[in-house]
Amino acid sequence: MPEAANNTPVHLGMTKEEVLKALGHKPKSIQTSPRGEVWHYDNVELAAIPFNFGFRPEFKNYMFDNNGILVDFNATQPTK
C-alpha cells in the first residue's frame, strides 16, 4: 500500500480531499470518465537530473468513483 508524505496511509474509502491531504500535492494529471476520475502521479522528471544514476521510475494511480470516493489504487514501485 502506498505510504503518504505525511505518514497517513492511503486506503480505500477515502475522499478526494483526504487523499490529496495525505499525499501532500496535486496529481500530475487527472483523467475523467463516466465512472469517475483517475489521478496519476509519477517521478519521471527526476530522470533529467544529471548524474542521477540511482533513478528508479515510480507510477501511482488513484481511482475515484463519481461520489469522489477512492475505490482502487495501484503503485509501480522501482526495481532495485
N, C-alpha and C. Protein backbone atom coordinates (compact mmCIF):
# COMPACT_ATOMS: atom_id res chain seq x y z
N MET A 1 0.85 -1.18 0.00
CA MET A 1 0.00 0.00 0.00
C MET A 1 0.89 1.24 0.00
N PRO A 2 0.65 2.20 -0.89
CA PRO A 2 1.47 3.40 -0.91
C PRO A 2 1.39 4.16 0.40
N GLU A 3 2.51 4.63 0.83
CA GLU A 3 2.58 5.40 2.07
C GLU A 3 2.62 6.88 1.71
N ALA A 4 1.86 7.68 2.37
CA ALA A 4 1.75 9.09 2.04
C ALA A 4 2.88 9.91 2.65
N ALA A 5 3.01 11.13 2.13
CA ALA A 5 4.09 12.02 2.56
C ALA A 5 3.98 12.37 4.04
N ASN A 6 2.79 12.49 4.58
CA ASN A 6 2.65 12.86 5.99
C ASN A 6 2.41 11.63 6.87
N ASN A 7 2.80 10.45 6.37
CA ASN A 7 2.71 9.19 7.10
C ASN A 7 1.29 8.71 7.34
N THR A 8 0.31 9.30 6.63
CA THR A 8 -1.05 8.80 6.68
C THR A 8 -1.21 7.84 5.51
N PRO A 9 -1.47 6.57 5.77
CA PRO A 9 -1.60 5.63 4.66
C PRO A 9 -2.87 5.90 3.86
N VAL A 10 -2.74 5.82 2.56
CA VAL A 10 -3.90 5.96 1.68
C VAL A 10 -4.64 4.62 1.69
N HIS A 11 -5.96 4.67 1.82
CA HIS A 11 -6.74 3.43 1.86
C HIS A 11 -8.07 3.64 1.15
N LEU A 12 -8.66 2.55 0.73
CA LEU A 12 -9.95 2.60 0.05
C LEU A 12 -10.99 3.26 0.94
N GLY A 13 -11.91 3.99 0.32
CA GLY A 13 -12.96 4.66 1.06
C GLY A 13 -12.66 6.11 1.41
N MET A 14 -11.42 6.54 1.18
CA MET A 14 -11.07 7.94 1.45
C MET A 14 -11.70 8.84 0.40
N THR A 15 -11.96 10.10 0.77
CA THR A 15 -12.45 11.08 -0.20
C THR A 15 -11.27 11.66 -0.96
N LYS A 16 -11.57 12.37 -2.04
CA LYS A 16 -10.50 13.01 -2.82
C LYS A 16 -9.72 14.00 -1.94
N GLU A 17 -10.43 14.72 -1.10
CA GLU A 17 -9.78 15.69 -0.22
C GLU A 17 -8.83 15.00 0.76
N GLU A 18 -9.25 13.86 1.30
CA GLU A 18 -8.40 13.12 2.24
C GLU A 18 -7.16 12.58 1.54
N VAL A 19 -7.32 12.07 0.32
CA VAL A 19 -6.17 11.56 -0.43
C VAL A 19 -5.21 12.70 -0.76
N LEU A 20 -5.75 13.82 -1.21
CA LEU A 20 -4.90 14.98 -1.52
C LEU A 20 -4.13 15.44 -0.30
N LYS A 21 -4.77 15.49 0.83
CA LYS A 21 -4.10 15.90 2.07
C LYS A 21 -3.03 14.88 2.46
N ALA A 22 -3.33 13.59 2.32
CA ALA A 22 -2.37 12.55 2.69
C ALA A 22 -1.14 12.56 1.79
N LEU A 23 -1.35 12.79 0.49
CA LEU A 23 -0.23 12.77 -0.44
C LEU A 23 0.56 14.07 -0.42
N GLY A 24 -0.09 15.17 -0.08
CA GLY A 24 0.62 16.43 0.08
C GLY A 24 0.80 17.25 -1.18
N HIS A 25 0.36 16.76 -2.34
CA HIS A 25 0.46 17.55 -3.56
C HIS A 25 -0.55 17.05 -4.60
N LYS A 26 -0.86 17.93 -5.54
CA LYS A 26 -1.84 17.61 -6.57
C LYS A 26 -1.28 16.57 -7.53
N PRO A 27 -2.16 15.82 -8.18
CA PRO A 27 -1.70 14.84 -9.16
C PRO A 27 -1.09 15.51 -10.39
N LYS A 28 -0.24 14.76 -11.08
CA LYS A 28 0.37 15.27 -12.31
C LYS A 28 -0.69 15.39 -13.40
N SER A 29 -1.63 14.45 -13.44
CA SER A 29 -2.73 14.53 -14.40
C SER A 29 -3.97 13.87 -13.82
N ILE A 30 -5.13 14.27 -14.35
CA ILE A 30 -6.41 13.71 -13.93
C ILE A 30 -7.16 13.32 -15.20
N GLN A 31 -7.61 12.08 -15.24
CA GLN A 31 -8.43 11.61 -16.35
C GLN A 31 -9.84 11.39 -15.82
N THR A 32 -10.83 11.85 -16.58
CA THR A 32 -12.22 11.67 -16.18
C THR A 32 -12.92 10.72 -17.15
N SER A 33 -13.89 10.03 -16.62
CA SER A 33 -14.71 9.12 -17.43
C SER A 33 -16.10 9.12 -16.81
N PRO A 34 -17.05 8.48 -17.46
CA PRO A 34 -18.40 8.40 -16.86
C PRO A 34 -18.40 7.67 -15.51
N ARG A 35 -17.37 6.89 -15.25
CA ARG A 35 -17.30 6.13 -13.99
C ARG A 35 -16.57 6.87 -12.88
N GLY A 36 -15.91 8.00 -13.16
CA GLY A 36 -15.21 8.74 -12.13
C GLY A 36 -13.92 9.36 -12.62
N GLU A 37 -12.94 9.47 -11.73
CA GLU A 37 -11.65 10.10 -12.04
C GLU A 37 -10.51 9.17 -11.70
N VAL A 38 -9.42 9.34 -12.45
CA VAL A 38 -8.17 8.65 -12.14
C VAL A 38 -7.10 9.72 -11.99
N TRP A 39 -6.45 9.73 -10.83
CA TRP A 39 -5.35 10.65 -10.58
C TRP A 39 -4.05 9.91 -10.84
N HIS A 40 -3.15 10.54 -11.60
CA HIS A 40 -1.88 9.92 -11.95
C HIS A 40 -0.72 10.72 -11.34
N TYR A 41 0.18 9.99 -10.71
CA TYR A 41 1.41 10.56 -10.16
C TYR A 41 2.59 9.77 -10.73
N ASP A 42 3.69 10.45 -11.01
CA ASP A 42 4.93 9.76 -11.35
C ASP A 42 6.11 10.67 -11.03
N ASN A 43 7.29 10.12 -11.14
CA ASN A 43 8.50 10.89 -10.83
C ASN A 43 9.46 10.93 -12.01
N VAL A 44 8.95 10.79 -13.24
CA VAL A 44 9.82 10.67 -14.40
C VAL A 44 10.66 11.92 -14.66
N GLU A 45 10.24 13.07 -14.17
CA GLU A 45 11.05 14.28 -14.37
C GLU A 45 12.40 14.18 -13.67
N LEU A 46 12.51 13.31 -12.67
CA LEU A 46 13.78 13.14 -11.97
C LEU A 46 14.85 12.48 -12.84
N ALA A 47 14.43 11.85 -13.93
CA ALA A 47 15.39 11.21 -14.84
C ALA A 47 16.26 12.24 -15.54
N ALA A 48 15.80 13.49 -15.63
CA ALA A 48 16.54 14.53 -16.32
C ALA A 48 17.66 15.14 -15.47
N ILE A 49 17.73 14.79 -14.21
CA ILE A 49 18.79 15.33 -13.35
C ILE A 49 20.11 14.69 -13.75
N PRO A 50 21.11 15.51 -14.07
CA PRO A 50 22.41 14.95 -14.47
C PRO A 50 23.01 14.07 -13.37
N PHE A 51 23.60 12.98 -13.78
CA PHE A 51 24.28 12.04 -12.90
C PHE A 51 23.35 11.42 -11.85
N ASN A 52 22.09 11.31 -12.17
CA ASN A 52 21.12 10.68 -11.28
C ASN A 52 21.08 9.18 -11.59
N PHE A 53 22.19 8.51 -11.33
CA PHE A 53 22.35 7.11 -11.70
C PHE A 53 21.44 6.18 -10.89
N GLY A 54 20.98 6.62 -9.74
CA GLY A 54 20.12 5.79 -8.92
C GLY A 54 18.64 5.96 -9.21
N PHE A 55 18.31 6.68 -10.26
CA PHE A 55 16.90 6.95 -10.58
C PHE A 55 16.13 5.67 -10.85
N ARG A 56 14.97 5.56 -10.25
CA ARG A 56 14.04 4.46 -10.48
C ARG A 56 12.65 5.06 -10.66
N PRO A 57 12.01 4.83 -11.81
CA PRO A 57 10.68 5.43 -12.02
C PRO A 57 9.62 4.81 -11.12
N GLU A 58 8.70 5.64 -10.69
CA GLU A 58 7.55 5.22 -9.88
C GLU A 58 6.29 5.77 -10.52
N PHE A 59 5.25 4.95 -10.58
CA PHE A 59 3.97 5.36 -11.14
C PHE A 59 2.87 4.98 -10.15
N LYS A 60 1.97 5.93 -9.88
CA LYS A 60 0.87 5.68 -8.94
C LYS A 60 -0.43 6.20 -9.56
N ASN A 61 -1.49 5.42 -9.42
CA ASN A 61 -2.80 5.80 -9.91
C ASN A 61 -3.83 5.60 -8.81
N TYR A 62 -4.71 6.58 -8.67
CA TYR A 62 -5.77 6.54 -7.66
C TYR A 62 -7.10 6.72 -8.38
N MET A 63 -8.01 5.75 -8.26
CA MET A 63 -9.28 5.76 -8.95
C MET A 63 -10.42 6.11 -8.00
N PHE A 64 -11.19 7.13 -8.38
CA PHE A 64 -12.31 7.61 -7.58
C PHE A 64 -13.62 7.37 -8.33
N ASP A 65 -14.68 7.05 -7.59
CA ASP A 65 -15.99 6.92 -8.22
C ASP A 65 -16.61 8.30 -8.41
N ASN A 66 -17.83 8.33 -8.92
CA ASN A 66 -18.50 9.62 -9.17
C ASN A 66 -18.85 10.39 -7.91
N ASN A 67 -18.76 9.74 -6.76
CA ASN A 67 -19.01 10.40 -5.48
C ASN A 67 -17.72 10.93 -4.86
N GLY A 68 -16.58 10.76 -5.54
CA GLY A 68 -15.31 11.24 -5.02
C GLY A 68 -14.70 10.33 -3.97
N ILE A 69 -15.05 9.05 -3.98
CA ILE A 69 -14.53 8.08 -3.01
C ILE A 69 -13.50 7.19 -3.69
N LEU A 70 -12.38 6.97 -3.03
CA LEU A 70 -11.31 6.13 -3.57
C LEU A 70 -11.78 4.68 -3.61
N VAL A 71 -11.82 4.11 -4.83
CA VAL A 71 -12.30 2.75 -5.00
C VAL A 71 -11.20 1.78 -5.41
N ASP A 72 -10.06 2.30 -5.87
CA ASP A 72 -8.94 1.44 -6.25
C ASP A 72 -7.69 2.30 -6.39
N PHE A 73 -6.53 1.71 -6.19
CA PHE A 73 -5.27 2.40 -6.42
C PHE A 73 -4.19 1.36 -6.65
N ASN A 74 -3.15 1.80 -7.34
CA ASN A 74 -2.01 0.91 -7.57
C ASN A 74 -0.74 1.73 -7.66
N ALA A 75 0.35 1.08 -7.40
CA ALA A 75 1.65 1.73 -7.45
C ALA A 75 2.66 0.77 -8.05
N THR A 76 3.43 1.29 -8.99
CA THR A 76 4.53 0.51 -9.55
C THR A 76 5.78 1.00 -8.84
N GLN A 77 6.31 0.17 -7.99
CA GLN A 77 7.50 0.52 -7.21
C GLN A 77 8.75 0.26 -8.03
N PRO A 78 9.79 1.07 -7.81
CA PRO A 78 11.02 0.87 -8.58
C PRO A 78 11.69 -0.45 -8.24
N THR A 79 12.35 -1.00 -9.24
CA THR A 79 13.13 -2.21 -9.02
C THR A 79 14.52 -1.82 -8.56
N LYS A 80 15.17 -2.67 -7.84
CA LYS A 80 16.50 -2.34 -7.31
C LYS A 80 17.55 -3.02 -8.11
